[in-house]
Amino acid sequence: MPAKSRVPPAGDHEELCIRFVNTVAWRLRGPVEDRVKTPIALLDWLTTAGVADANFGSRLRARWEKRPREGEAFRKSAVRLREAIYQILVAQIDGRPFDRAALRILDTATQAEARGLHAVPSRGALIWRSDHRRGAADDLLKPIAWSAVGLAMGPRSAKVRQCQDDRGCGWLFVDESRAQNRRWCSMGDCGNRAKVLRHYHRHAG
């Protein structure tokens, strides 16, 4: 039976860069499921993730309806960044050398100016907000790139894991468990399935 379609919540507890990488489901098998296959789907995800505010999102949506090529160009840039981040984090997990092209993509995304992006307080925390009058679509990728650099260069980099579900889930997560032995992206999904299978095989045997 094929694995069911699913998408991680944009606003869950994981790092922003990991949430973005996980917009691809079933990475370790074919075909993968890309949950931001259109510019509008990507914009909706960015809005839910708190990177794009409603005003800026509405402006971009209206603009891309008139200029679909522009929206698609932005989506392709976002996908390049997403796949570069994935390659970098998986290289760290596996202890392999970094792909230089992936590093260049991430470095370029972090260094470009973001004139329309601001850190603002919200419910006792800081969140990103885009200025719909001055901002550009590319500004929305900056927080994702900064999140990736912060994670890859910080002390939590050694805690990044890839789900070991045997169906080929491939989602990434940060293992905050005390024993540092978490194997699945979610105990309510892949972990629960593995538990059920172990129970079945134990009793079948």
N, C-alpha and C. Protein backbone atom coordinates (compact mmCIF):
# COMPACT_ATOMS: atom_id res chain seq x y z
N MET A 1 0.85 -1.20 0.00
CA MET A 1 0.00 0.00 0.00
C MET A 1 0.88 1.24 0.00
N PRO A 2 0.66 2.21 -0.90
CA PRO A 2 1.49 3.40 -0.94
C PRO A 2 1.28 4.25 0.30
N ALA A 3 2.34 4.95 0.71
CA ALA A 3 2.23 5.84 1.86
C ALA A 3 1.33 7.00 1.52
N LYS A 4 0.57 7.44 2.51
CA LYS A 4 -0.38 8.52 2.26
C LYS A 4 0.33 9.85 2.08
N SER A 5 -0.33 10.75 1.36
CA SER A 5 0.21 12.09 1.16
C SER A 5 0.15 12.86 2.47
N ARG A 6 1.14 13.68 2.72
CA ARG A 6 1.16 14.45 3.95
C ARG A 6 2.05 15.66 3.79
N VAL A 7 1.91 16.60 4.68
CA VAL A 7 2.75 17.80 4.65
C VAL A 7 2.95 18.26 6.08
N PRO A 8 4.19 18.61 6.47
CA PRO A 8 4.41 19.08 7.83
C PRO A 8 3.81 20.46 8.02
N PRO A 9 3.27 20.77 9.20
CA PRO A 9 2.73 22.11 9.43
C PRO A 9 3.83 23.15 9.31
N ALA A 10 3.53 24.26 8.62
CA ALA A 10 4.54 25.31 8.46
C ALA A 10 4.89 25.94 9.80
N GLY A 11 3.96 25.91 10.74
CA GLY A 11 4.20 26.58 12.01
C GLY A 11 4.58 25.64 13.14
N ASP A 12 5.11 24.46 12.85
CA ASP A 12 5.45 23.54 13.93
C ASP A 12 6.72 23.98 14.65
N HIS A 13 7.23 23.16 15.57
CA HIS A 13 8.29 23.58 16.49
C HIS A 13 9.68 23.50 15.90
N GLU A 14 9.86 22.88 14.74
CA GLU A 14 11.19 22.72 14.18
C GLU A 14 11.75 24.05 13.68
N GLU A 15 13.07 24.05 13.45
CA GLU A 15 13.73 25.22 12.86
C GLU A 15 13.08 25.57 11.53
N LEU A 16 13.05 26.86 11.21
CA LEU A 16 12.43 27.31 9.98
C LEU A 16 13.04 26.62 8.76
N CYS A 17 14.36 26.50 8.72
CA CYS A 17 15.01 25.88 7.56
C CYS A 17 14.60 24.41 7.41
N ILE A 18 14.44 23.71 8.53
CA ILE A 18 14.03 22.31 8.47
C ILE A 18 12.58 22.19 8.02
N ARG A 19 11.73 23.08 8.51
CA ARG A 19 10.34 23.07 8.05
C ARG A 19 10.27 23.27 6.54
N PHE A 20 11.16 24.13 6.03
CA PHE A 20 11.14 24.39 4.60
C PHE A 20 11.67 23.18 3.83
N VAL A 21 12.76 22.60 4.29
CA VAL A 21 13.28 21.38 3.64
C VAL A 21 12.21 20.29 3.61
N ASN A 22 11.42 20.22 4.67
CA ASN A 22 10.41 19.17 4.78
C ASN A 22 9.13 19.45 4.00
N THR A 23 9.16 20.48 3.15
CA THR A 23 8.05 20.63 2.20
C THR A 23 8.14 19.60 1.09
N VAL A 24 9.22 18.82 1.09
CA VAL A 24 9.32 17.63 0.23
C VAL A 24 9.11 16.41 1.11
N ALA A 25 8.15 15.59 0.75
CA ALA A 25 7.89 14.36 1.49
C ALA A 25 8.38 13.16 0.68
N TRP A 26 8.76 12.10 1.39
CA TRP A 26 9.21 10.84 0.78
C TRP A 26 10.45 11.07 -0.09
N ARG A 27 11.44 11.76 0.47
CA ARG A 27 12.66 12.08 -0.27
C ARG A 27 13.46 10.84 -0.65
N LEU A 28 13.39 9.80 0.14
CA LEU A 28 14.27 8.66 -0.06
C LEU A 28 13.63 7.55 -0.88
N ARG A 29 12.63 7.91 -1.65
CA ARG A 29 12.01 6.96 -2.58
C ARG A 29 11.47 7.78 -3.74
N GLY A 30 10.91 7.14 -4.72
CA GLY A 30 10.33 7.86 -5.84
C GLY A 30 8.87 7.46 -6.04
N PRO A 31 8.03 8.37 -6.50
CA PRO A 31 8.34 9.80 -6.67
C PRO A 31 8.19 10.56 -5.36
N VAL A 32 8.95 11.64 -5.24
CA VAL A 32 8.82 12.50 -4.06
C VAL A 32 7.56 13.34 -4.20
N GLU A 33 7.14 13.93 -3.08
CA GLU A 33 5.99 14.83 -3.08
C GLU A 33 6.46 16.24 -2.72
N ASP A 34 6.39 17.13 -3.67
CA ASP A 34 6.76 18.53 -3.43
C ASP A 34 5.49 19.29 -3.07
N ARG A 35 5.45 19.81 -1.85
CA ARG A 35 4.24 20.48 -1.37
C ARG A 35 4.20 21.96 -1.72
N VAL A 36 5.21 22.48 -2.42
CA VAL A 36 5.17 23.88 -2.88
C VAL A 36 5.46 23.88 -4.39
N LYS A 37 4.62 23.19 -5.13
CA LYS A 37 4.85 23.01 -6.56
C LYS A 37 4.46 24.22 -7.39
N THR A 38 3.78 25.17 -6.80
CA THR A 38 3.40 26.39 -7.52
C THR A 38 3.83 27.60 -6.72
N PRO A 39 3.99 28.76 -7.37
CA PRO A 39 4.33 29.97 -6.62
C PRO A 39 3.31 30.31 -5.54
N ILE A 40 2.03 30.08 -5.80
CA ILE A 40 1.00 30.40 -4.82
C ILE A 40 1.07 29.45 -3.63
N ALA A 41 1.32 28.17 -3.89
CA ALA A 41 1.48 27.22 -2.79
C ALA A 41 2.68 27.60 -1.92
N LEU A 42 3.75 28.03 -2.55
CA LEU A 42 4.93 28.47 -1.82
C LEU A 42 4.61 29.72 -1.00
N LEU A 43 3.90 30.66 -1.59
CA LEU A 43 3.54 31.89 -0.89
C LEU A 43 2.65 31.58 0.30
N ASP A 44 1.72 30.65 0.13
CA ASP A 44 0.84 30.26 1.24
C ASP A 44 1.67 29.67 2.38
N TRP A 45 2.67 28.84 2.02
CA TRP A 45 3.51 28.24 3.06
C TRP A 45 4.29 29.32 3.80
N LEU A 46 4.88 30.25 3.06
CA LEU A 46 5.67 31.32 3.67
C LEU A 46 4.81 32.18 4.58
N THR A 47 3.56 32.40 4.19
CA THR A 47 2.65 33.18 5.02
C THR A 47 2.32 32.43 6.31
N THR A 48 2.02 31.14 6.19
CA THR A 48 1.72 30.33 7.37
C THR A 48 2.92 30.23 8.29
N ALA A 49 4.10 30.18 7.71
CA ALA A 49 5.33 30.08 8.50
C ALA A 49 5.68 31.39 9.20
N GLY A 50 4.98 32.47 8.86
CA GLY A 50 5.22 33.75 9.51
C GLY A 50 6.29 34.58 8.86
N VAL A 51 6.76 34.18 7.69
CA VAL A 51 7.80 34.96 7.00
C VAL A 51 7.17 36.08 6.18
N ALA A 52 6.06 35.79 5.53
CA ALA A 52 5.36 36.81 4.74
C ALA A 52 4.09 37.20 5.47
N ASP A 53 3.85 38.49 5.66
CA ASP A 53 2.60 38.91 6.28
C ASP A 53 1.49 38.99 5.23
N ALA A 54 0.26 39.16 5.69
CA ALA A 54 -0.89 39.08 4.80
C ALA A 54 -0.85 40.14 3.71
N ASN A 55 -0.45 41.36 4.06
CA ASN A 55 -0.42 42.43 3.06
C ASN A 55 0.59 42.16 1.95
N PHE A 56 1.78 41.73 2.37
CA PHE A 56 2.82 41.44 1.39
C PHE A 56 2.42 40.25 0.54
N GLY A 57 1.84 39.24 1.17
CA GLY A 57 1.38 38.07 0.43
C GLY A 57 0.32 38.42 -0.60
N SER A 58 -0.60 39.28 -0.23
CA SER A 58 -1.66 39.70 -1.17
C SER A 58 -1.07 40.46 -2.35
N ARG A 59 -0.08 41.30 -2.05
CA ARG A 59 0.56 42.07 -3.12
C ARG A 59 1.28 41.15 -4.11
N LEU A 60 2.01 40.18 -3.58
CA LEU A 60 2.72 39.25 -4.45
C LEU A 60 1.77 38.38 -5.24
N ARG A 61 0.70 37.93 -4.60
CA ARG A 61 -0.28 37.09 -5.30
C ARG A 61 -0.87 37.83 -6.50
N ALA A 62 -1.24 39.08 -6.28
CA ALA A 62 -1.81 39.87 -7.37
C ALA A 62 -0.77 40.11 -8.47
N ARG A 63 0.46 40.35 -8.07
CA ARG A 63 1.52 40.61 -9.05
C ARG A 63 1.79 39.36 -9.89
N TRP A 64 1.84 38.20 -9.24
CA TRP A 64 2.16 36.97 -9.95
C TRP A 64 1.01 36.50 -10.83
N GLU A 65 -0.20 36.90 -10.52
CA GLU A 65 -1.31 36.57 -11.41
C GLU A 65 -1.15 37.28 -12.75
N LYS A 66 -0.55 38.47 -12.72
CA LYS A 66 -0.30 39.22 -13.95
C LYS A 66 1.03 38.83 -14.59
N ARG A 67 1.98 38.38 -13.75
CA ARG A 67 3.31 38.04 -14.23
C ARG A 67 3.69 36.64 -13.74
N PRO A 68 3.07 35.62 -14.28
CA PRO A 68 3.32 34.26 -13.78
C PRO A 68 4.77 33.82 -13.91
N ARG A 69 5.49 34.30 -14.91
CA ARG A 69 6.89 33.91 -15.06
C ARG A 69 7.72 34.41 -13.88
N GLU A 70 7.38 35.58 -13.38
CA GLU A 70 8.09 36.13 -12.23
C GLU A 70 7.87 35.26 -11.00
N GLY A 71 6.63 34.84 -10.79
CA GLY A 71 6.33 33.97 -9.67
C GLY A 71 7.05 32.64 -9.77
N GLU A 72 7.10 32.08 -10.98
CA GLU A 72 7.76 30.80 -11.17
C GLU A 72 9.27 30.94 -10.98
N ALA A 73 9.84 32.08 -11.40
CA ALA A 73 11.28 32.30 -11.20
C ALA A 73 11.60 32.35 -9.71
N PHE A 74 10.73 32.98 -8.94
CA PHE A 74 10.94 33.01 -7.48
C PHE A 74 10.84 31.61 -6.89
N ARG A 75 9.86 30.84 -7.34
CA ARG A 75 9.70 29.47 -6.83
C ARG A 75 10.95 28.65 -7.12
N LYS A 76 11.51 28.79 -8.31
CA LYS A 76 12.71 28.03 -8.66
C LYS A 76 13.90 28.45 -7.78
N SER A 77 14.01 29.73 -7.48
CA SER A 77 15.07 30.19 -6.58
C SER A 77 14.89 29.59 -5.19
N ALA A 78 13.63 29.54 -4.74
CA ALA A 78 13.34 28.98 -3.42
C ALA A 78 13.67 27.49 -3.38
N VAL A 79 13.35 26.78 -4.45
CA VAL A 79 13.64 25.35 -4.51
C VAL A 79 15.14 25.11 -4.52
N ARG A 80 15.89 25.94 -5.26
CA ARG A 80 17.36 25.79 -5.25
C ARG A 80 17.92 25.96 -3.84
N LEU A 81 17.40 26.94 -3.12
CA LEU A 81 17.85 27.16 -1.76
C LEU A 81 17.45 25.99 -0.87
N ARG A 82 16.23 25.51 -1.02
CA ARG A 82 15.75 24.38 -0.21
C ARG A 82 16.63 23.15 -0.40
N GLU A 83 16.95 22.84 -1.66
CA GLU A 83 17.75 21.65 -1.93
C GLU A 83 19.21 21.83 -1.49
N ALA A 84 19.70 23.05 -1.57
CA ALA A 84 21.06 23.32 -1.08
C ALA A 84 21.13 23.10 0.43
N ILE A 85 20.12 23.60 1.16
CA ILE A 85 20.08 23.42 2.61
C ILE A 85 19.99 21.93 2.94
N TYR A 86 19.16 21.22 2.21
CA TYR A 86 19.03 19.77 2.45
C TYR A 86 20.38 19.07 2.26
N GLN A 87 21.08 19.39 1.18
CA GLN A 87 22.37 18.75 0.92
C GLN A 87 23.38 19.06 2.02
N ILE A 88 23.38 20.29 2.50
CA ILE A 88 24.33 20.69 3.54
C ILE A 88 24.03 19.97 4.85
N LEU A 89 22.77 19.93 5.25
CA LEU A 89 22.42 19.29 6.52
C LEU A 89 22.63 17.78 6.47
N VAL A 90 22.32 17.15 5.34
CA VAL A 90 22.52 15.71 5.23
C VAL A 90 24.02 15.38 5.20
N ALA A 91 24.82 16.25 4.58
CA ALA A 91 26.27 16.04 4.61
C ALA A 91 26.79 16.06 6.04
N GLN A 92 26.25 16.97 6.85
CA GLN A 92 26.65 17.00 8.26
C GLN A 92 26.22 15.73 8.98
N ILE A 93 25.01 15.27 8.71
CA ILE A 93 24.52 14.04 9.35
C ILE A 93 25.43 12.87 9.00
N ASP A 94 25.82 12.77 7.73
CA ASP A 94 26.61 11.63 7.24
C ASP A 94 28.10 11.79 7.43
N GLY A 95 28.53 12.99 7.83
CA GLY A 95 29.96 13.23 7.96
C GLY A 95 30.68 13.31 6.64
N ARG A 96 29.99 13.77 5.60
CA ARG A 96 30.58 13.88 4.26
C ARG A 96 31.00 15.32 3.99
N PRO A 97 31.89 15.55 3.02
CA PRO A 97 32.24 16.92 2.63
C PRO A 97 31.03 17.65 2.07
N PHE A 98 30.99 18.94 2.28
CA PHE A 98 29.89 19.75 1.76
C PHE A 98 30.00 19.91 0.26
N ASP A 99 28.86 19.97 -0.40
CA ASP A 99 28.82 20.26 -1.82
C ASP A 99 29.07 21.76 -2.01
N ARG A 100 30.07 22.10 -2.81
CA ARG A 100 30.45 23.51 -2.95
C ARG A 100 29.36 24.34 -3.61
N ALA A 101 28.65 23.76 -4.56
CA ALA A 101 27.57 24.50 -5.22
C ALA A 101 26.47 24.83 -4.21
N ALA A 102 26.16 23.89 -3.32
CA ALA A 102 25.15 24.12 -2.30
C ALA A 102 25.59 25.24 -1.36
N LEU A 103 26.86 25.24 -0.98
CA LEU A 103 27.38 26.29 -0.11
C LEU A 103 27.30 27.66 -0.78
N ARG A 104 27.58 27.71 -2.08
CA ARG A 104 27.50 29.00 -2.79
C ARG A 104 26.06 29.52 -2.81
N ILE A 105 25.11 28.63 -3.03
CA ILE A 105 23.70 29.04 -3.05
C ILE A 105 23.29 29.60 -1.70
N LEU A 106 23.67 28.91 -0.63
CA LEU A 106 23.32 29.38 0.72
C LEU A 106 24.03 30.69 1.04
N ASP A 107 25.29 30.80 0.68
CA ASP A 107 26.06 32.01 0.96
C ASP A 107 25.47 33.21 0.23
N THR A 108 25.08 33.01 -1.02
CA THR A 108 24.48 34.11 -1.79
C THR A 108 23.18 34.57 -1.15
N ALA A 109 22.38 33.63 -0.68
CA ALA A 109 21.08 33.97 -0.08
C ALA A 109 21.24 34.73 1.23
N THR A 110 22.30 34.46 1.96
CA THR A 110 22.47 35.14 3.25
C THR A 110 23.05 36.54 3.11
N GLN A 111 23.76 36.80 2.02
CA GLN A 111 24.49 38.06 1.92
C GLN A 111 23.72 39.18 1.23
N ALA A 112 22.74 38.85 0.43
CA ALA A 112 22.00 39.91 -0.28
C ALA A 112 21.22 40.76 0.71
N GLU A 113 21.09 42.04 0.41
CA GLU A 113 20.41 42.98 1.29
C GLU A 113 18.91 42.68 1.34
N ALA A 114 18.33 42.85 2.52
CA ALA A 114 16.89 42.66 2.70
C ALA A 114 16.31 43.95 3.27
N ARG A 115 16.00 44.88 2.40
CA ARG A 115 15.55 46.20 2.86
C ARG A 115 14.14 46.19 3.44
N GLY A 116 13.33 45.22 3.00
CA GLY A 116 11.93 45.24 3.44
C GLY A 116 11.61 44.24 4.52
N LEU A 117 12.62 43.73 5.23
CA LEU A 117 12.40 42.70 6.24
C LEU A 117 12.82 43.23 7.60
N HIS A 118 11.97 43.01 8.60
CA HIS A 118 12.24 43.53 9.93
C HIS A 118 11.90 42.49 10.99
N ALA A 119 12.65 42.51 12.09
CA ALA A 119 12.33 41.69 13.25
C ALA A 119 11.42 42.52 14.15
N VAL A 120 10.25 42.01 14.46
CA VAL A 120 9.28 42.75 15.27
C VAL A 120 8.79 41.88 16.42
N PRO A 121 8.40 42.49 17.55
CA PRO A 121 7.91 41.71 18.69
C PRO A 121 6.49 41.21 18.45
N SER A 122 6.23 40.00 18.93
CA SER A 122 4.89 39.42 18.84
C SER A 122 4.72 38.40 19.95
N ARG A 123 3.85 38.69 20.91
CA ARG A 123 3.54 37.78 22.01
C ARG A 123 4.79 37.33 22.76
N GLY A 124 5.65 38.28 23.05
CA GLY A 124 6.84 37.98 23.83
C GLY A 124 7.98 37.38 23.06
N ALA A 125 7.85 37.27 21.74
CA ALA A 125 8.93 36.73 20.90
C ALA A 125 9.18 37.67 19.73
N LEU A 126 10.27 37.40 19.01
CA LEU A 126 10.56 38.16 17.80
C LEU A 126 10.18 37.34 16.58
N ILE A 127 9.53 37.99 15.63
CA ILE A 127 9.17 37.33 14.39
C ILE A 127 9.57 38.22 13.22
N TRP A 128 9.64 37.63 12.03
CA TRP A 128 9.97 38.40 10.83
C TRP A 128 8.69 38.99 10.24
N ARG A 129 8.79 40.24 9.79
CA ARG A 129 7.69 40.88 9.09
C ARG A 129 8.23 41.59 7.85
N SER A 130 7.52 41.45 6.74
CA SER A 130 7.94 42.06 5.48
C SER A 130 7.16 43.35 5.26
N ASP A 131 7.86 44.37 4.83
CA ASP A 131 7.26 45.66 4.51
C ASP A 131 6.70 45.57 3.10
N HIS A 132 5.38 45.52 2.96
CA HIS A 132 4.79 45.31 1.64
C HIS A 132 5.00 46.49 0.71
N ARG A 133 5.44 47.63 1.25
CA ARG A 133 5.68 48.80 0.39
C ARG A 133 7.10 48.80 -0.16
N ARG A 134 8.05 48.21 0.58
CA ARG A 134 9.45 48.26 0.16
C ARG A 134 10.04 46.89 -0.14
N GLY A 135 9.41 45.86 0.34
CA GLY A 135 10.00 44.54 0.25
C GLY A 135 9.96 43.94 -1.14
N ALA A 136 10.83 42.96 -1.35
CA ALA A 136 10.87 42.19 -2.59
C ALA A 136 10.66 40.72 -2.24
N ALA A 137 10.22 39.95 -3.21
CA ALA A 137 9.94 38.54 -2.96
C ALA A 137 11.16 37.82 -2.40
N ASP A 138 12.35 38.13 -2.91
CA ASP A 138 13.57 37.45 -2.47
C ASP A 138 13.84 37.66 -0.98
N ASP A 139 13.29 38.75 -0.40
CA ASP A 139 13.46 38.97 1.03
C ASP A 139 12.93 37.79 1.84
N LEU A 140 11.91 37.12 1.31
CA LEU A 140 11.26 36.04 2.06
C LEU A 140 12.15 34.82 2.23
N LEU A 141 13.18 34.70 1.40
CA LEU A 141 14.08 33.56 1.52
C LEU A 141 15.21 33.81 2.53
N LYS A 142 15.42 35.05 2.89
CA LYS A 142 16.51 35.38 3.80
C LYS A 142 16.37 34.71 5.17
N PRO A 143 15.21 34.80 5.84
CA PRO A 143 15.10 34.14 7.14
C PRO A 143 15.35 32.64 7.08
N ILE A 144 14.98 32.01 5.97
CA ILE A 144 15.22 30.57 5.81
C ILE A 144 16.72 30.32 5.71
N ALA A 145 17.41 31.13 4.91
CA ALA A 145 18.86 30.97 4.75
C ALA A 145 19.58 31.25 6.06
N TRP A 146 19.17 32.30 6.78
CA TRP A 146 19.80 32.62 8.07
C TRP A 146 19.55 31.50 9.08
N SER A 147 18.37 30.93 9.04
CA SER A 147 18.06 29.81 9.92
C SER A 147 18.98 28.63 9.64
N ALA A 148 19.22 28.36 8.36
CA ALA A 148 20.09 27.23 7.98
C ALA A 148 21.52 27.46 8.45
N VAL A 149 22.03 28.67 8.27
CA VAL A 149 23.40 28.98 8.70
C VAL A 149 23.51 28.87 10.21
N GLY A 150 22.52 29.41 10.92
CA GLY A 150 22.54 29.34 12.38
C GLY A 150 22.52 27.91 12.89
N LEU A 151 21.72 27.07 12.23
CA LEU A 151 21.64 25.67 12.65
C LEU A 151 22.93 24.93 12.31
N ALA A 152 23.41 25.09 11.08
CA ALA A 152 24.58 24.34 10.62
C ALA A 152 25.86 24.74 11.35
N MET A 153 25.93 26.00 11.82
CA MET A 153 27.14 26.48 12.48
C MET A 153 27.03 26.44 14.00
N GLY A 154 25.85 26.13 14.51
CA GLY A 154 25.63 26.18 15.95
C GLY A 154 25.78 24.83 16.63
N PRO A 155 25.60 24.80 17.96
CA PRO A 155 25.78 23.57 18.73
C PRO A 155 24.73 22.51 18.44
N ARG A 156 23.60 22.91 17.85
CA ARG A 156 22.55 21.93 17.58
C ARG A 156 22.77 21.19 16.26
N SER A 157 23.82 21.54 15.53
CA SER A 157 24.06 20.90 14.24
C SER A 157 24.27 19.39 14.40
N ALA A 158 24.88 18.99 15.51
CA ALA A 158 25.14 17.57 15.75
C ALA A 158 23.88 16.80 16.11
N LYS A 159 22.77 17.52 16.33
CA LYS A 159 21.51 16.88 16.70
C LYS A 159 20.55 16.71 15.53
N VAL A 160 20.96 17.17 14.35
CA VAL A 160 20.09 17.04 13.18
C VAL A 160 20.08 15.58 12.74
N ARG A 161 18.90 15.05 12.49
CA ARG A 161 18.73 13.66 12.09
C ARG A 161 17.82 13.59 10.87
N GLN A 162 17.85 12.42 10.22
CA GLN A 162 16.91 12.15 9.13
C GLN A 162 16.07 10.94 9.52
N CYS A 163 14.77 11.05 9.28
CA CYS A 163 13.84 10.00 9.68
C CYS A 163 14.25 8.65 9.09
N GLN A 164 14.19 7.60 9.92
CA GLN A 164 14.62 6.27 9.50
C GLN A 164 13.44 5.37 9.11
N ASP A 165 12.31 5.98 8.83
CA ASP A 165 11.16 5.20 8.38
C ASP A 165 11.52 4.39 7.14
N ASP A 166 11.10 3.12 7.10
CA ASP A 166 11.52 2.25 6.00
C ASP A 166 10.79 2.51 4.68
N ARG A 167 9.82 3.41 4.69
CA ARG A 167 9.12 3.76 3.45
C ARG A 167 9.85 4.85 2.67
N GLY A 168 10.86 5.46 3.29
CA GLY A 168 11.61 6.51 2.60
C GLY A 168 11.15 7.91 2.92
N CYS A 169 10.66 8.13 4.15
CA CYS A 169 10.15 9.44 4.56
C CYS A 169 11.14 10.56 4.23
N GLY A 170 12.31 10.52 4.86
CA GLY A 170 13.36 11.48 4.54
C GLY A 170 13.27 12.83 5.21
N TRP A 171 12.22 13.07 6.02
CA TRP A 171 12.13 14.35 6.71
C TRP A 171 13.28 14.50 7.71
N LEU A 172 13.72 15.74 7.90
CA LEU A 172 14.76 16.05 8.87
C LEU A 172 14.13 16.55 10.17
N PHE A 173 14.88 16.45 11.26
CA PHE A 173 14.43 16.97 12.54
C PHE A 173 15.64 17.18 13.43
N VAL A 174 15.46 17.96 14.48
CA VAL A 174 16.49 18.14 15.50
C VAL A 174 16.14 17.26 16.68
N ASP A 175 17.04 16.37 17.04
CA ASP A 175 16.80 15.41 18.12
C ASP A 175 17.08 16.08 19.47
N GLU A 176 16.02 16.44 20.17
CA GLU A 176 16.16 17.07 21.47
C GLU A 176 15.90 16.07 22.60
N SER A 177 15.82 14.78 22.26
CA SER A 177 15.57 13.78 23.30
C SER A 177 16.75 13.67 24.25
N ARG A 178 16.48 13.30 25.48
CA ARG A 178 17.53 13.22 26.49
C ARG A 178 18.60 12.19 26.10
N ALA A 179 18.15 11.07 25.56
CA ALA A 179 19.09 10.00 25.20
C ALA A 179 19.72 10.18 23.83
N GLN A 180 19.27 11.20 23.08
CA GLN A 180 19.78 11.45 21.73
C GLN A 180 19.66 10.20 20.84
N ASN A 181 18.53 9.54 20.92
CA ASN A 181 18.33 8.32 20.13
C ASN A 181 17.02 8.33 19.36
N ARG A 182 16.49 9.50 19.11
CA ARG A 182 15.25 9.60 18.34
C ARG A 182 15.52 9.16 16.90
N ARG A 183 14.63 8.37 16.34
CA ARG A 183 14.84 7.80 15.01
C ARG A 183 13.82 8.30 13.98
N TRP A 184 12.70 8.82 14.42
CA TRP A 184 11.64 9.16 13.48
C TRP A 184 11.26 10.63 13.56
N CYS A 185 10.73 11.14 12.45
CA CYS A 185 10.33 12.54 12.39
C CYS A 185 9.24 12.84 13.39
N SER A 186 8.35 11.87 13.62
CA SER A 186 7.23 12.07 14.53
C SER A 186 6.80 10.73 15.10
N MET A 187 6.60 10.69 16.41
CA MET A 187 6.10 9.46 17.02
C MET A 187 4.64 9.23 16.64
N GLY A 188 3.94 10.29 16.26
CA GLY A 188 2.55 10.13 15.87
C GLY A 188 2.38 9.66 14.43
N ASP A 189 3.47 9.59 13.69
CA ASP A 189 3.39 9.19 12.29
C ASP A 189 4.33 8.01 12.05
N CYS A 190 5.54 8.28 11.61
CA CYS A 190 6.48 7.20 11.29
C CYS A 190 6.83 6.37 12.52
N GLY A 191 7.01 7.02 13.67
CA GLY A 191 7.36 6.28 14.87
C GLY A 191 6.25 5.34 15.31
N ASN A 192 5.02 5.79 15.22
CA ASN A 192 3.89 4.95 15.60
C ASN A 192 3.76 3.75 14.67
N ARG A 193 4.00 3.98 13.38
CA ARG A 193 3.92 2.88 12.42
C ARG A 193 4.99 1.84 12.72
N ALA A 194 6.20 2.28 13.03
CA ALA A 194 7.27 1.34 13.36
C ALA A 194 6.93 0.55 14.62
N LYS A 195 6.33 1.22 15.58
CA LYS A 195 5.93 0.55 16.81
C LYS A 195 4.88 -0.53 16.54
N VAL A 196 3.90 -0.21 15.70
CA VAL A 196 2.86 -1.17 15.34
C VAL A 196 3.45 -2.36 14.61
N LEU A 197 4.39 -2.10 13.68
CA LEU A 197 5.02 -3.20 12.94
C LEU A 197 5.83 -4.11 13.85
N ARG A 198 6.55 -3.51 14.80
CA ARG A 198 7.31 -4.33 15.75
C ARG A 198 6.37 -5.22 16.56
N HIS A 199 5.26 -4.64 17.00
CA HIS A 199 4.28 -5.40 17.78
C HIS A 199 3.72 -6.54 16.94
N TYR A 200 3.41 -6.25 15.68
CA TYR A 200 2.85 -7.29 14.79
C TYR A 200 3.84 -8.45 14.59
N HIS A 201 5.09 -8.10 14.27
CA HIS A 201 6.08 -9.15 14.01
C HIS A 201 6.41 -9.96 15.26
N ARG A 202 6.39 -9.29 16.42
CA ARG A 202 6.67 -9.99 17.66
C ARG A 202 5.60 -11.05 17.94
N HIS A 203 4.34 -10.65 17.73
CA HIS A 203 3.25 -11.60 18.01
C HIS A 203 3.09 -12.61 16.87
N ALA A 204 3.40 -12.20 15.64
CA ALA A 204 3.34 -13.16 14.53
C ALA A 204 4.39 -14.24 14.71
N GLY A 205 5.55 -13.84 15.28
CA GLY A 205 6.62 -14.81 15.48
C GLY A 205 6.30 -15.77 16.61
